[in-house]
């Protein structure tokens, strides 16, 4: 009977098994089943699931091929169709869907463990309340990421018995309904508020916590900050969101980089940063590069800032290197006479702006030969392609930009957000001071464009912000139908999206289509969900929070 239940719940959501990895445990052996895993310490399962979730959503298939190029932080020189919105259903939409539901299923199992007195006694846990609360926070993060990609989804809640919340409960619901985005958002805000209140520094912490090392006060700020982010996103649609904004701020949010919610990684092929792994492990690939749009913005050639942003040199390496030269480490920076000096092996200088051009975005296949030689544009910097670079759940710079917005586009939080972002990336204090001098005054556009810059490598949230606000707008981003330019500054092309589903997009996609497997495994409820969308199950159907 147990195996039958496992298979049914897996099939209804579109997954069959879960293999997690962590630096401490082989999850493929101990947790081969997402719904009834072999009994393990809940701290092991919690920490492994947190790592698994961030690895699977920041790897080469999820954000790297969807939001990172769509928001024009990166561009590809091989699979050009993907940059033009022709993403892969199985490799991308379905992968993100199933990995997220696998993680959610584990968080539910963790809560079940933490509520079982016999289990707690067997593993010498004094108390399970803080683990329950932390799992609720991570469930909120997980389901928020699902609904911002797809729309209505099957949903499960710890604290709400709404009849539409049927996911992960095969005893009752073999084919779960898709709960509405509105209901889910309301419950996410409720769950985060209750989880923050449930956390107690007087009770046992989370053993081996890879995010905050068991710091309950930090977990409280994480919950409040995540609630602030979500409430700010939906405040135009849910009137009660404004009360959540005020309450979350009053209870304390992340305001310093030391408080960032992030997952650390190790300098190893097994436990390195997932983006770094694309370049250095397995069938290593070198086909993702800094986007010309983003590089041009940071050079001050687009937008309202009109000055060089020192983060440019933290995000991108100068052009002109092959992969072996890039990885030498010494003499990293190249000189103004890049083509000749590279051949002669001369030492290089750092901040020559002509060495920063970026890979043009959205180019047609007919021009592919023009971008196959990556000497002509930039690799990501070693600060980005770093095995130990943390991946962020939410950080202080983003929170400060939200605070600026809710305080009427306040100057102080706007400046603080920029400063925190630069400091996180290791920009020199003198360069920060120089950049902030004469900074354009805070207003909607300036705050949101700086927020966009700060969300580099957190592209899912940047995509959310674009759909909510329309920023950055076409004065910065290359939009469908607009004309782009190759690295020579002369050759032009028109950004023409590929057909995706039944749509040729006229804007950045509003969502992903549901994985095709859902039509087979949960077809009746998929039909209901797609009919609630403005253009059915297509990429231009706007989501609940969208402008």
Foldseek 3Di string as FASTA:
>chain_A
DVQVLQQLLQLLQPHRFDWFDDPPDGRVVQAGTLQDTHDDPLLVLLQRLVLLLLLQCLFCAECVQALCLLLQQKAFLPPQQSSLVQHDQVRYQSSLSSSLLSSLSSLVVSLVLQVDPVSCVVVVFPHSQLSNLLSLLVLLLSVVLVCQFAFFAAAAHPPDVPVLNDRSPSVVDSNHFGDGPVVSLVRSLVSLVVSLVSQDPVHDFRPPRQFQNRDSLLSSQSSLLVLLLSLLLFCVPDVCSVVSNVVSVVSHHFAAQVSFGWGWFDPDLRTFRNHLNCQPHDPRDQTMAGGQLVLCVQCLNFDDLNHHNVCSLLWWFFAQDDPVLCPPPPLRAADPVRPVCVVVVDRHDHDDSLRARHFYHQFDPVCSVVPPPRSLHIHTHCLVSDRGNIQGSDHNLLSLLSVCVVVQQDQPSLLSSLVNLCVVSPNDPVSSVVSPVPGDGGDDQSSLQSSLVSCNSVSSVNLSVCQQPVPPDVSRDQFQQHKDDGSVRPDIDGNFRDDHDNDGDRGSFQHAFNRPSVCVSNVVSLVVVQVPFPNGRDRNGHHSSGD
